[in-house]
Amino acid sequence: MAIKVILLIAFFAVMVTVGVLSRKSAGSVDGFVLGGRNVGPWLTAFAYGTSYFSAVVFVGYAGQFGWKYGIATTWVGIGNAVLGSLMAWIILGRRTRIMTHHLTAATMPDFFGKRFDSNALRIAASAICFIFLIPYTASLYNGLSRLFGMAFDIPYTACVIMMATLTGVYVILGGYMATAINDFIQGIIMIFGIIAVILAVLNSQGGFMAAVGKLAEIPSDIPITQGQPGAFTSFFGPDPVNLLGVIVLTSLGTWGLPQMVHKFYTIRNEKAVKTGTVISTVFAIIIAGGCYFLGGFGRLFDNPSIYTEKGIAYDAIIPSMLSTLPDILIGVVVILVLSASMSTLSSLVLTSSSTLTLDFIKGNIVKDLNEKKQLLIMRILIVFFIVISVVLALNPPTFIAQLMGISWGALAGAFLAPFLYGLFWKKTTKAAVWASFIVGVGITVLNMFIKFIASPINAGAAAMIAGLIVVPVVSLITPSQDKQAVDRIFSCYDEEVHVKRKTALPEDEEE
């Protein structure tokens, strides 16, 4: 117990110290929200990766999908690395940094407002962020209850409040830079933690080959396999169609999530793009691949503690796997899950507060809002969002609990297509952006009530794909933007440094 407590205290002390030391960089709106657009490759890559993978992935998704699809769940981690990290950086990273800097856009709603010359779009995008990011923050506390109960016998309420308070302290003090530095530290912890846990869990089953052999003997309970053993160790698992839906949502979805895309706004230079691409991809392979690979062995730890009156509790699977580990490793796991949760929580509350302040309050509710007042409002809203997330996490209503599950799909379904086309295609229209907002949110929310798609995961994937089709179709049949205005926006790609900007960012850039 002493070892676990010492690890916990040291972890929290480092997080708060970073917040205190980062105060100087948070004295302006640009510094507080974007780190002055001067964040290096390692910090940017780790900020991207740690915002991507939270306790929801480690405890919830790894347990749930590992139980359903076996070792084939590892494909989700591979998809996250290749599509969610590598391709996102290659396709979106450079262009996002160039155009958002050219438009002086600090948030995703701000990008929509300036790219399509529409304050109404900015407000609508801000509202979508507010509605769906809040329940998403509440979901980050998933699994902490069982892990802390197992490791420290600490009440869930105390755990949630402690985590939320410490996250709020360093984000309020240091803004984006404190978040990025802490994300780097938390990311290192996550890497070593997941490797140690995988080795320990497999060793408890007699090693990798012995664990695979035991898993192969378990008959599948998915109807299509007709109860045959070996399905959970097969290449694509017992249900490849639904597995593909999980891969699409959790990988392609990052392209449209405001807290993820925001990381590209802050990139320093061309070197940061290239180095960040490699680092974030390797990070995703280790963390996502490791989490889902570990979850694939969940059925080897089937026991009464993971069942409730309503059936299996997926959030209990991973804690059950870890309960037999040595104390030092349990302490590492707790720090790992706290790192994953706090890094994502800090990113979400910073995105929510900056979006609501800069895109909704400023210029709409309060016409004259100087920089000092903007910073004050953002800090107040960070507290507000954290308090709401704690309240929802402690006593989640049924509706909110459902909303948590679809928030990723709704956000990505609404934003992915118009953001992607807006960066690359001059003919993207304002009406097409509205159509994507309606289709993305509409499919995921309606599916909550009508259930025309059985899985919320597949509903989210369908919303994203629908947006990618709807935006070009609507753009071709609706009035185009003013050609000269669009040409001025896209001229940022053709400004020559040594090569065109769409090929490389300059090493040094004058503000």
Protein backbone atom coordinates (compact mmCIF):
# COMPACT_ATOMS: atom_id res chain seq x y z
CA MET A 1 0.00 0.00 0.00
CA ALA A 2 2.86 2.37 0.85
CA ILE A 3 4.36 1.91 -2.62
CA LYS A 4 1.04 2.62 -4.32
CA VAL A 5 0.40 5.75 -2.23
CA ILE A 6 3.92 7.08 -2.86
CA LEU A 7 3.48 6.58 -6.63
CA LEU A 8 0.15 8.40 -6.53
CA ILE A 9 1.44 11.37 -4.51
CA ALA A 10 4.53 11.73 -6.73
CA PHE A 11 2.36 11.64 -9.85
CA PHE A 12 0.01 14.37 -8.61
CA ALA A 13 2.93 16.52 -7.40
CA VAL A 14 4.56 16.46 -10.83
CA MET A 15 1.29 17.38 -12.59
CA VAL A 16 0.67 20.42 -10.37
CA THR A 17 4.33 21.54 -10.57
CA VAL A 18 4.16 21.56 -14.36
CA GLY A 19 1.03 23.73 -14.17
CA VAL A 20 2.77 26.23 -11.89
CA LEU A 21 5.89 26.37 -14.09
CA SER A 22 3.80 26.86 -17.27
CA ARG A 23 1.97 29.98 -16.04
CA LYS A 24 4.13 32.36 -18.10
CA SER A 25 3.02 30.77 -21.37
CA ALA A 26 -0.67 31.20 -20.47
CA GLY A 27 -0.73 35.00 -20.25
CA SER A 28 -2.48 35.52 -23.60
CA VAL A 29 -5.40 33.87 -25.39
CA ASP A 30 -3.06 32.52 -28.08
CA GLY A 31 -0.70 31.15 -25.43
CA PHE A 32 -3.46 29.70 -23.25
CA VAL A 33 -5.34 27.99 -26.10
CA LEU A 34 -2.59 27.19 -28.63
CA GLY A 35 0.72 27.41 -26.76
CA GLY A 36 1.64 30.30 -29.07
CA ARG A 37 1.57 27.86 -32.04
CA ASN A 38 5.10 27.01 -31.00
CA VAL A 39 4.84 23.47 -29.67
CA GLY A 40 7.55 21.00 -30.68
CA PRO A 41 7.10 17.56 -32.26
CA TRP A 42 7.41 15.39 -29.13
CA LEU A 43 4.94 17.43 -27.10
CA THR A 44 2.48 17.70 -30.00
CA ALA A 45 2.67 13.98 -30.82
CA PHE A 46 2.20 12.90 -27.21
CA ALA A 47 -0.59 15.46 -26.71
CA TYR A 48 -2.34 13.94 -29.74
CA GLY A 49 -1.83 10.36 -28.55
CA THR A 50 -2.79 10.87 -24.91
CA SER A 51 -5.92 12.81 -25.91
CA TYR A 52 -6.79 9.90 -28.22
CA PHE A 53 -6.47 7.07 -25.70
CA SER A 54 -8.24 7.48 -22.38
CA ALA A 55 -9.41 5.14 -19.63
CA VAL A 56 -12.43 4.49 -21.85
CA VAL A 57 -10.10 2.65 -24.24
CA PHE A 58 -8.03 0.85 -21.60
CA VAL A 59 -10.84 -0.26 -19.30
CA GLY A 60 -14.07 -0.01 -21.32
CA TYR A 61 -13.32 -0.60 -25.00
CA ALA A 62 -10.45 -3.08 -24.49
CA GLY A 63 -12.60 -5.13 -22.12
CA GLN A 64 -15.77 -4.99 -24.21
CA PHE A 65 -14.32 -5.59 -27.66
CA GLY A 66 -11.69 -8.03 -26.44
CA TRP A 67 -14.50 -10.12 -24.93
CA LYS A 68 -16.51 -9.99 -28.18
CA TYR A 69 -13.78 -10.44 -30.79
CA GLY A 70 -10.80 -12.06 -29.02
CA ILE A 71 -7.26 -11.43 -30.24
CA ALA A 72 -8.64 -10.01 -33.51
CA THR A 73 -9.45 -6.89 -31.45
CA THR A 74 -5.78 -5.99 -31.99
CA TRP A 75 -6.89 -4.83 -35.47
CA VAL A 76 -8.63 -1.91 -33.75
CA GLY A 77 -5.30 -0.78 -32.30
CA ILE A 78 -3.59 -1.19 -35.68
CA GLY A 79 -6.37 0.83 -37.33
CA ASN A 80 -5.98 3.53 -34.67
CA ALA A 81 -2.26 3.72 -35.40
CA VAL A 82 -2.43 3.70 -39.21
CA LEU A 83 -5.69 5.53 -39.94
CA GLY A 84 -6.23 7.47 -36.72
CA SER A 85 -2.63 8.65 -36.27
CA LEU A 86 -0.36 8.16 -39.32
CA MET A 87 -2.87 9.12 -42.03
CA ALA A 88 -4.39 11.90 -39.90
CA TRP A 89 -1.00 13.55 -39.52
CA ILE A 90 -0.06 13.08 -43.17
CA ILE A 91 -3.35 14.32 -44.62
CA LEU A 92 -4.53 16.87 -42.05
CA GLY A 93 -1.50 17.97 -40.03
CA ARG A 94 0.30 20.39 -42.34
CA ARG A 95 -2.78 21.83 -44.07
CA THR A 96 -4.58 22.35 -40.77
CA ARG A 97 -1.63 24.32 -39.36
CA ILE A 98 -1.28 26.45 -42.50
CA MET A 99 -4.94 27.36 -43.05
CA THR A 100 -5.87 27.90 -39.39
CA HIS A 101 -2.86 30.19 -38.98
CA HIS A 102 -3.83 32.07 -42.16
CA LEU A 103 -7.42 32.46 -40.94
CA THR A 104 -6.26 33.15 -37.34
CA ALA A 105 -8.67 30.41 -36.26
CA ALA A 106 -8.11 29.12 -32.71
CA THR A 107 -10.84 26.42 -32.58
CA MET A 108 -12.73 24.14 -34.96
CA PRO A 109 -15.96 26.23 -34.81
CA ASP A 110 -13.79 29.30 -35.51
CA PHE A 111 -12.41 27.52 -38.58
CA PHE A 112 -15.92 26.83 -39.92
CA GLY A 113 -16.96 30.44 -39.26
CA LYS A 114 -13.99 31.98 -41.08
CA ARG A 115 -13.55 29.38 -43.83
CA PHE A 116 -17.22 29.64 -44.86
CA ASP A 117 -17.81 33.26 -43.76
CA SER A 118 -20.68 32.34 -41.44
CA ASN A 119 -21.09 33.31 -37.80
CA ALA A 120 -24.15 31.03 -37.65
CA LEU A 121 -21.95 28.03 -38.54
CA ARG A 122 -19.52 29.02 -35.81
CA ILE A 123 -22.31 29.18 -33.22
CA ALA A 124 -23.86 25.88 -34.36
CA ALA A 125 -20.51 24.08 -34.26
CA SER A 126 -19.86 25.54 -30.81
CA ALA A 127 -23.24 24.24 -29.61
CA ILE A 128 -22.51 20.73 -30.96
CA CYS A 129 -19.15 20.76 -29.14
CA PHE A 130 -20.81 21.85 -25.90
CA ILE A 131 -23.58 19.26 -26.05
CA PHE A 132 -21.43 16.26 -26.94
CA LEU A 133 -18.07 17.01 -25.28
CA ILE A 134 -19.59 17.35 -21.81
CA PRO A 135 -20.95 13.78 -21.55
CA TYR A 136 -17.74 12.58 -23.20
CA THR A 137 -15.76 14.07 -20.29
CA ALA A 138 -18.00 12.21 -17.82
CA SER A 139 -17.23 8.89 -19.52
CA LEU A 140 -13.51 9.34 -18.79
CA TYR A 141 -14.05 8.32 -15.18
CA ASN A 142 -15.21 4.88 -16.40
CA GLY A 143 -13.41 2.04 -14.74
CA LEU A 144 -11.69 4.21 -12.13
CA SER A 145 -14.17 3.06 -9.50
CA ARG A 146 -13.20 -0.61 -9.75
CA LEU A 147 -9.48 0.06 -10.17
CA PHE A 148 -9.26 2.37 -7.16
CA GLY A 149 -11.44 0.05 -5.10
CA MET A 150 -9.11 -2.81 -5.97
CA ALA A 151 -5.88 -0.90 -5.31
CA PHE A 152 -6.65 1.52 -2.47
CA ASP A 153 -10.14 0.81 -1.19
CA ILE A 154 -10.91 4.48 -1.87
CA PRO A 155 -14.55 5.46 -2.53
CA TYR A 156 -15.33 6.23 -6.16
CA THR A 157 -16.58 9.73 -5.22
CA ALA A 158 -13.27 10.69 -3.63
CA CYS A 159 -11.35 9.32 -6.61
CA VAL A 160 -13.38 11.28 -9.18
CA ILE A 161 -13.22 14.55 -7.25
CA MET A 162 -9.48 14.20 -6.66
CA MET A 163 -8.72 13.49 -10.31
CA ALA A 164 -10.97 16.30 -11.57
CA THR A 165 -9.57 18.86 -9.11
CA LEU A 166 -5.93 18.18 -9.94
CA THR A 167 -6.61 18.24 -13.69
CA GLY A 168 -8.42 21.57 -13.29
CA VAL A 169 -5.53 23.06 -11.31
CA TYR A 170 -2.84 22.48 -13.92
CA VAL A 171 -5.03 23.38 -16.90
CA ILE A 172 -6.21 26.64 -15.28
CA LEU A 173 -2.66 27.58 -14.29
CA GLY A 174 -0.75 26.67 -17.44
CA GLY A 175 -3.28 26.32 -20.27
CA TYR A 176 -2.30 24.36 -23.36
CA MET A 177 1.44 24.27 -22.59
CA ALA A 178 0.88 22.71 -19.17
CA THR A 179 -1.49 20.22 -20.78
CA ALA A 180 1.05 19.34 -23.49
CA ILE A 181 3.96 18.88 -21.05
CA ASN A 182 1.85 16.77 -18.69
CA ASP A 183 0.57 14.77 -21.68
CA PHE A 184 4.19 13.96 -22.52
CA ILE A 185 4.91 12.77 -18.97
CA GLN A 186 1.65 10.83 -18.83
CA GLY A 187 2.36 9.31 -22.23
CA ILE A 188 5.73 7.94 -21.05
CA ILE A 189 3.97 6.39 -18.04
CA MET A 190 1.34 4.84 -20.33
CA ILE A 191 3.98 3.27 -22.61
CA PHE A 192 5.96 1.59 -19.84
CA GLY A 193 2.78 0.72 -17.95
CA ILE A 194 1.02 -1.10 -20.79
CA ILE A 195 4.15 -3.10 -21.71
CA ALA A 196 4.66 -4.18 -18.08
CA VAL A 197 1.01 -5.12 -17.65
CA ILE A 198 0.85 -7.20 -20.86
CA LEU A 199 3.96 -9.15 -19.88
CA ALA A 200 2.65 -9.75 -16.37
CA VAL A 201 -0.82 -10.86 -17.49
CA LEU A 202 0.52 -13.25 -20.15
CA ASN A 203 3.04 -14.62 -17.67
CA SER A 204 0.18 -15.38 -15.25
CA GLN A 205 -1.31 -17.62 -17.96
CA GLY A 206 1.94 -19.47 -18.62
CA GLY A 207 3.19 -17.24 -21.43
CA PHE A 208 1.87 -16.08 -24.81
CA MET A 209 1.53 -19.48 -26.50
CA ALA A 210 -0.14 -21.06 -23.47
CA ALA A 211 -2.59 -18.15 -23.23
CA VAL A 212 -3.47 -18.43 -26.93
CA GLY A 213 -3.95 -22.18 -26.53
CA LYS A 214 -6.39 -21.70 -23.64
CA LEU A 215 -8.28 -19.01 -25.56
CA ALA A 216 -8.57 -21.27 -28.62
CA GLU A 217 -10.42 -23.87 -26.55
CA ILE A 218 -13.24 -21.47 -25.61
CA PRO A 219 -16.35 -21.90 -27.82
CA SER A 220 -17.80 -18.74 -29.33
CA ASP A 221 -21.19 -17.50 -28.13
CA ILE A 222 -21.74 -15.42 -31.28
CA PRO A 223 -24.48 -17.13 -33.37
CA ILE A 224 -22.69 -16.90 -36.72
CA THR A 225 -19.88 -19.16 -35.44
CA GLN A 226 -22.34 -21.87 -34.30
CA GLY A 227 -20.45 -22.37 -31.05
CA GLN A 228 -17.20 -23.51 -32.65
CA PRO A 229 -14.00 -23.17 -30.57
CA GLY A 230 -11.04 -21.22 -31.95
CA ALA A 231 -13.03 -18.15 -33.09
CA PHE A 232 -11.40 -15.90 -30.47
CA THR A 233 -7.91 -16.66 -31.81
CA SER A 234 -8.81 -16.42 -35.53
CA PHE A 235 -7.39 -13.73 -37.82
CA PHE A 236 -10.55 -11.60 -38.08
CA GLY A 237 -12.37 -12.94 -35.04
CA PRO A 238 -15.93 -14.29 -34.80
CA ASP A 239 -17.69 -11.12 -36.08
CA PRO A 240 -15.52 -9.24 -38.63
CA VAL A 241 -18.33 -6.92 -39.87
CA ASN A 242 -18.98 -5.35 -36.48
CA LEU A 243 -15.23 -5.33 -35.79
CA LEU A 244 -14.80 -3.21 -38.92
CA GLY A 245 -17.37 -0.73 -37.57
CA VAL A 246 -15.32 -0.35 -34.39
CA ILE A 247 -12.15 0.23 -36.42
CA VAL A 248 -13.80 2.92 -38.58
CA LEU A 249 -15.32 4.83 -35.67
CA THR A 250 -12.31 4.74 -33.37
CA SER A 251 -9.79 5.45 -36.18
CA LEU A 252 -11.39 7.73 -38.75
CA GLY A 253 -13.35 9.48 -36.01
CA THR A 254 -10.25 11.33 -34.78
CA TRP A 255 -10.22 13.33 -38.02
CA GLY A 256 -13.36 15.14 -36.93
CA LEU A 257 -12.93 15.46 -33.16
CA PRO A 258 -12.20 19.08 -32.18
CA GLN A 259 -9.89 18.17 -29.27
CA MET A 260 -7.78 16.02 -31.62
CA VAL A 261 -7.60 18.33 -34.63
CA HIS A 262 -6.77 21.20 -32.26
CA LYS A 263 -3.31 19.66 -31.76
CA PHE A 264 -2.44 20.41 -35.39
CA TYR A 265 -3.17 24.13 -34.86
CA THR A 266 -0.23 24.32 -32.44
CA ILE A 267 2.54 22.77 -34.60
CA ARG A 268 5.76 24.81 -34.66
CA ASN A 269 7.35 24.01 -38.04
CA GLU A 270 7.93 21.44 -40.77
CA LYS A 271 10.27 19.35 -38.62
CA ALA A 272 7.54 19.10 -36.00
CA VAL A 273 5.12 17.72 -38.61
CA LYS A 274 7.48 15.00 -39.83
CA THR A 275 8.79 13.98 -36.42
CA GLY A 276 5.33 14.20 -34.83
CA THR A 277 3.89 11.88 -37.48
CA VAL A 278 6.36 9.11 -36.61
CA ILE A 279 6.14 9.57 -32.83
CA SER A 280 2.34 9.63 -32.65
CA THR A 281 2.08 6.52 -34.86
CA VAL A 282 4.56 4.54 -32.75
CA PHE A 283 2.77 5.72 -29.60
CA ALA A 284 -0.58 4.54 -31.00
CA ILE A 285 0.84 1.13 -31.96
CA ILE A 286 2.13 0.59 -28.41
CA ILE A 287 -0.82 2.01 -26.47
CA ALA A 288 -3.84 1.15 -28.65
CA GLY A 289 -2.35 -2.07 -29.99
CA GLY A 290 -1.30 -3.06 -26.46
CA CYS A 291 -4.66 -2.22 -24.84
CA TYR A 292 -6.76 -4.12 -27.38
CA PHE A 293 -4.29 -7.02 -27.52
CA LEU A 294 -4.53 -7.30 -23.72
CA GLY A 295 -8.33 -7.12 -23.86
CA GLY A 296 -8.35 -10.00 -26.34
CA PHE A 297 -7.43 -12.39 -23.50
CA GLY A 298 -10.31 -11.21 -21.30
CA ARG A 299 -12.25 -14.49 -21.53
CA LEU A 300 -9.42 -16.29 -19.76
CA PHE A 301 -10.39 -14.32 -16.64
CA ASP A 302 -14.10 -15.16 -16.69
CA ASN A 303 -15.38 -15.23 -13.09
CA PRO A 304 -18.53 -14.27 -11.12
CA SER A 305 -17.15 -10.81 -10.19
CA ILE A 306 -17.60 -9.49 -13.73
CA TYR A 307 -21.33 -10.24 -13.87
CA THR A 308 -24.28 -8.21 -12.62
CA GLU A 309 -28.04 -8.84 -12.62
CA LYS A 310 -28.16 -7.28 -16.10
CA GLY A 311 -25.39 -9.47 -17.47
CA ILE A 312 -21.68 -9.00 -18.00
CA ALA A 313 -20.12 -5.72 -16.82
CA TYR A 314 -17.50 -5.00 -19.49
CA ASP A 315 -15.79 -2.37 -17.33
CA ALA A 316 -15.03 -5.11 -14.79
CA ILE A 317 -13.11 -7.36 -17.19
CA ILE A 318 -9.77 -5.51 -17.25
CA PRO A 319 -9.74 -4.82 -13.47
CA SER A 320 -10.43 -8.53 -12.93
CA MET A 321 -7.45 -9.40 -15.13
CA LEU A 322 -5.22 -7.07 -13.14
CA SER A 323 -6.39 -7.93 -9.62
CA THR A 324 -3.84 -10.75 -9.20
CA LEU A 325 -0.82 -8.66 -10.20
CA PRO A 326 1.89 -7.66 -7.67
CA ASP A 327 1.23 -4.43 -5.70
CA ILE A 328 3.86 -2.45 -7.58
CA LEU A 329 2.23 -3.33 -10.92
CA ILE A 330 -1.25 -2.50 -9.62
CA GLY A 331 0.15 0.89 -8.60
CA VAL A 332 1.57 1.33 -12.12
CA VAL A 333 -1.82 0.39 -13.63
CA VAL A 334 -3.64 2.95 -11.49
CA ILE A 335 -1.16 5.66 -12.55
CA LEU A 336 -1.50 4.48 -16.16
CA VAL A 337 -5.30 4.80 -16.12
CA LEU A 338 -5.14 8.12 -14.26
CA SER A 339 -2.66 9.38 -16.88
CA ALA A 340 -4.93 8.29 -19.71
CA SER A 341 -7.99 9.88 -18.09
CA MET A 342 -6.41 13.14 -16.95
CA SER A 343 -4.69 13.80 -20.28
CA THR A 344 -7.94 13.39 -22.22
CA LEU A 345 -9.97 15.29 -19.61
CA SER A 346 -7.58 18.26 -19.76
CA SER A 347 -7.79 18.33 -23.55
CA LEU A 348 -11.60 18.16 -23.54
CA VAL A 349 -12.19 20.88 -20.93
CA LEU A 350 -9.68 23.19 -22.62
CA THR A 351 -11.41 22.62 -25.98
CA SER A 352 -14.88 23.13 -24.47
CA SER A 353 -14.01 26.30 -22.57
CA SER A 354 -12.10 27.94 -25.44
CA THR A 355 -14.81 27.08 -27.96
CA LEU A 356 -17.63 28.43 -25.80
CA THR A 357 -15.68 31.60 -24.96
CA LEU A 358 -14.22 32.47 -28.36
CA ASP A 359 -17.01 31.19 -30.63
CA PHE A 360 -20.18 31.68 -28.62
CA ILE A 361 -19.76 34.32 -25.91
CA LYS A 362 -17.27 36.65 -27.64
CA GLY A 363 -19.00 38.85 -30.22
CA ASN A 364 -22.42 37.27 -29.70
CA ILE A 365 -23.35 37.58 -26.02
CA VAL A 366 -20.61 40.04 -25.04
CA LYS A 367 -19.66 42.35 -27.90
CA ASP A 368 -16.57 43.92 -26.36
CA LEU A 369 -14.46 41.26 -24.68
CA ASN A 370 -10.81 42.09 -24.14
CA GLU A 371 -8.08 39.47 -23.82
CA LYS A 372 -7.93 39.60 -20.03
CA LYS A 373 -11.66 38.95 -19.75
CA GLN A 374 -11.47 36.14 -22.31
CA LEU A 375 -8.82 34.37 -20.22
CA LEU A 376 -10.89 34.83 -17.07
CA ILE A 377 -14.03 33.42 -18.71
CA MET A 378 -12.12 30.43 -20.11
CA ARG A 379 -10.74 29.60 -16.67
CA ILE A 380 -14.18 29.92 -15.08
CA LEU A 381 -15.66 27.66 -17.78
CA ILE A 382 -12.94 25.05 -17.20
CA VAL A 383 -14.13 24.84 -13.58
CA PHE A 384 -17.75 24.74 -14.79
CA PHE A 385 -17.13 21.90 -17.26
CA ILE A 386 -15.14 19.86 -14.76
CA VAL A 387 -17.89 20.24 -12.14
CA ILE A 388 -20.53 19.10 -14.65
CA SER A 389 -18.43 16.10 -15.67
CA VAL A 390 -18.03 15.12 -12.00
CA VAL A 391 -21.76 15.45 -11.33
CA LEU A 392 -22.59 13.31 -14.37
CA ALA A 393 -19.91 10.75 -13.51
CA LEU A 394 -21.16 10.36 -9.93
CA ASN A 395 -24.83 9.96 -10.82
CA PRO A 396 -25.30 9.54 -14.58
CA PRO A 397 -28.93 9.73 -15.77
CA THR A 398 -29.94 7.07 -18.30
CA PHE A 399 -30.13 9.61 -21.13
CA ILE A 400 -26.69 11.00 -20.41
CA ALA A 401 -25.25 7.51 -20.15
CA GLN A 402 -26.57 6.82 -23.64
CA LEU A 403 -25.27 10.15 -24.85
CA MET A 404 -21.75 9.26 -23.70
CA GLY A 405 -21.74 6.29 -26.02
CA ILE A 406 -22.70 8.31 -29.09
CA SER A 407 -20.82 11.56 -28.43
CA TRP A 408 -17.76 10.45 -30.44
CA GLY A 409 -19.95 9.43 -33.38
CA ALA A 410 -22.01 12.64 -33.30
CA LEU A 411 -18.96 14.93 -33.17
CA ALA A 412 -17.02 13.09 -35.86
CA GLY A 413 -20.14 12.58 -37.99
CA ALA A 414 -20.89 16.31 -37.95
CA PHE A 415 -17.37 17.72 -38.32
CA LEU A 416 -15.16 15.24 -40.18
CA ALA A 417 -16.44 15.72 -43.74
CA PRO A 418 -16.79 19.54 -43.81
CA PHE A 419 -13.42 19.99 -42.10
CA LEU A 420 -11.64 17.62 -44.49
CA TYR A 421 -13.28 19.00 -47.64
CA GLY A 422 -12.90 22.56 -46.33
CA LEU A 423 -9.13 22.11 -46.17
CA PHE A 424 -8.77 20.58 -49.63
CA TRP A 425 -11.69 21.55 -51.88
CA LYS A 426 -12.52 25.11 -52.90
CA LYS A 427 -16.04 24.19 -54.00
CA THR A 428 -17.21 23.09 -50.55
CA THR A 429 -20.25 25.23 -49.71
CA LYS A 430 -21.85 26.60 -46.57
CA ALA A 431 -25.01 24.58 -47.23
CA ALA A 432 -22.94 21.37 -47.38
CA VAL A 433 -21.50 22.10 -43.94
CA TRP A 434 -25.02 22.57 -42.54
CA ALA A 435 -26.07 19.31 -44.20
CA SER A 436 -23.18 17.45 -42.58
CA PHE A 437 -24.03 18.89 -39.15
CA ILE A 438 -27.65 17.76 -39.54
CA VAL A 439 -26.80 14.30 -40.93
CA GLY A 440 -24.00 13.56 -38.44
CA VAL A 441 -25.92 14.57 -35.34
CA GLY A 442 -29.24 13.33 -36.75
CA ILE A 443 -28.13 9.75 -37.48
CA THR A 444 -26.48 9.22 -34.10
CA VAL A 445 -29.19 10.88 -31.99
CA LEU A 446 -32.14 9.32 -33.83
CA ASN A 447 -30.49 5.93 -33.51
CA MET A 448 -30.66 6.32 -29.72
CA PHE A 449 -34.43 6.23 -29.90
CA ILE A 450 -35.33 4.32 -33.06
CA LYS A 451 -32.43 1.81 -33.04
CA PHE A 452 -32.36 1.39 -36.82
CA ILE A 453 -28.68 0.44 -36.44
CA ALA A 454 -28.18 -2.10 -33.65
CA SER A 455 -24.75 -0.91 -32.52
CA PRO A 456 -24.10 2.75 -31.51
CA ILE A 457 -20.54 2.19 -32.73
CA ASN A 458 -21.76 1.28 -36.22
CA ALA A 459 -24.20 4.21 -36.12
CA GLY A 460 -21.29 6.57 -35.51
CA ALA A 461 -19.30 5.01 -38.36
CA ALA A 462 -22.35 5.35 -40.64
CA ALA A 463 -22.71 9.03 -39.69
CA MET A 464 -19.11 9.73 -40.73
CA ILE A 465 -19.43 7.89 -44.03
CA ALA A 466 -22.75 9.64 -44.74
CA GLY A 467 -21.08 13.02 -44.19
CA LEU A 468 -18.29 12.17 -46.63
CA ILE A 469 -20.95 11.51 -49.28
CA VAL A 470 -23.37 14.33 -48.39
CA VAL A 471 -20.84 17.20 -48.41
CA PRO A 472 -19.66 16.85 -52.04
CA VAL A 473 -23.18 16.10 -53.32
CA VAL A 474 -24.72 19.15 -51.61
CA SER A 475 -21.74 21.33 -52.60
CA LEU A 476 -22.33 20.57 -56.28
CA ILE A 477 -26.01 21.60 -56.19
CA THR A 478 -25.85 24.65 -53.90
CA PRO A 479 -24.49 28.20 -54.48
CA SER A 480 -20.71 28.47 -54.30
CA GLN A 481 -18.81 30.86 -52.08
CA ASP A 482 -17.40 34.05 -53.55
CA LYS A 483 -14.54 32.88 -55.79
CA GLN A 484 -12.18 35.70 -54.86
CA ALA A 485 -12.73 35.11 -51.14
CA VAL A 486 -12.05 31.37 -51.49
CA ASP A 487 -8.96 32.03 -53.61
CA ARG A 488 -7.63 34.35 -50.91
CA ILE A 489 -8.16 31.63 -48.29
CA PHE A 490 -6.42 28.96 -50.36
CA SER A 491 -3.58 31.28 -51.34
CA CYS A 492 -1.92 30.37 -48.02
CA TYR A 493 -0.95 27.01 -49.51
CA ASP A 494 0.89 28.61 -52.43
CA GLU A 495 2.94 31.18 -50.56
CA GLU A 496 6.50 30.27 -51.42
CA VAL A 497 9.15 29.61 -48.84
CA HIS A 498 11.73 27.29 -50.37
CA VAL A 499 8.85 25.15 -51.59
CA LYS A 500 5.09 25.68 -51.53
CA ARG A 501 3.55 25.66 -48.10
CA LYS A 502 1.38 22.65 -48.92
CA THR A 503 4.65 20.72 -49.18
CA ALA A 504 6.50 22.08 -46.15
CA LEU A 505 6.08 24.53 -43.28
CA PRO A 506 8.84 27.16 -42.90
CA GLU A 507 11.43 26.62 -40.18
CA ASP A 508 10.98 30.17 -38.87
CA GLU A 509 7.82 32.18 -39.34
CA GLU A 510 7.26 35.81 -38.50
CA GLU A 511 4.01 36.57 -36.75
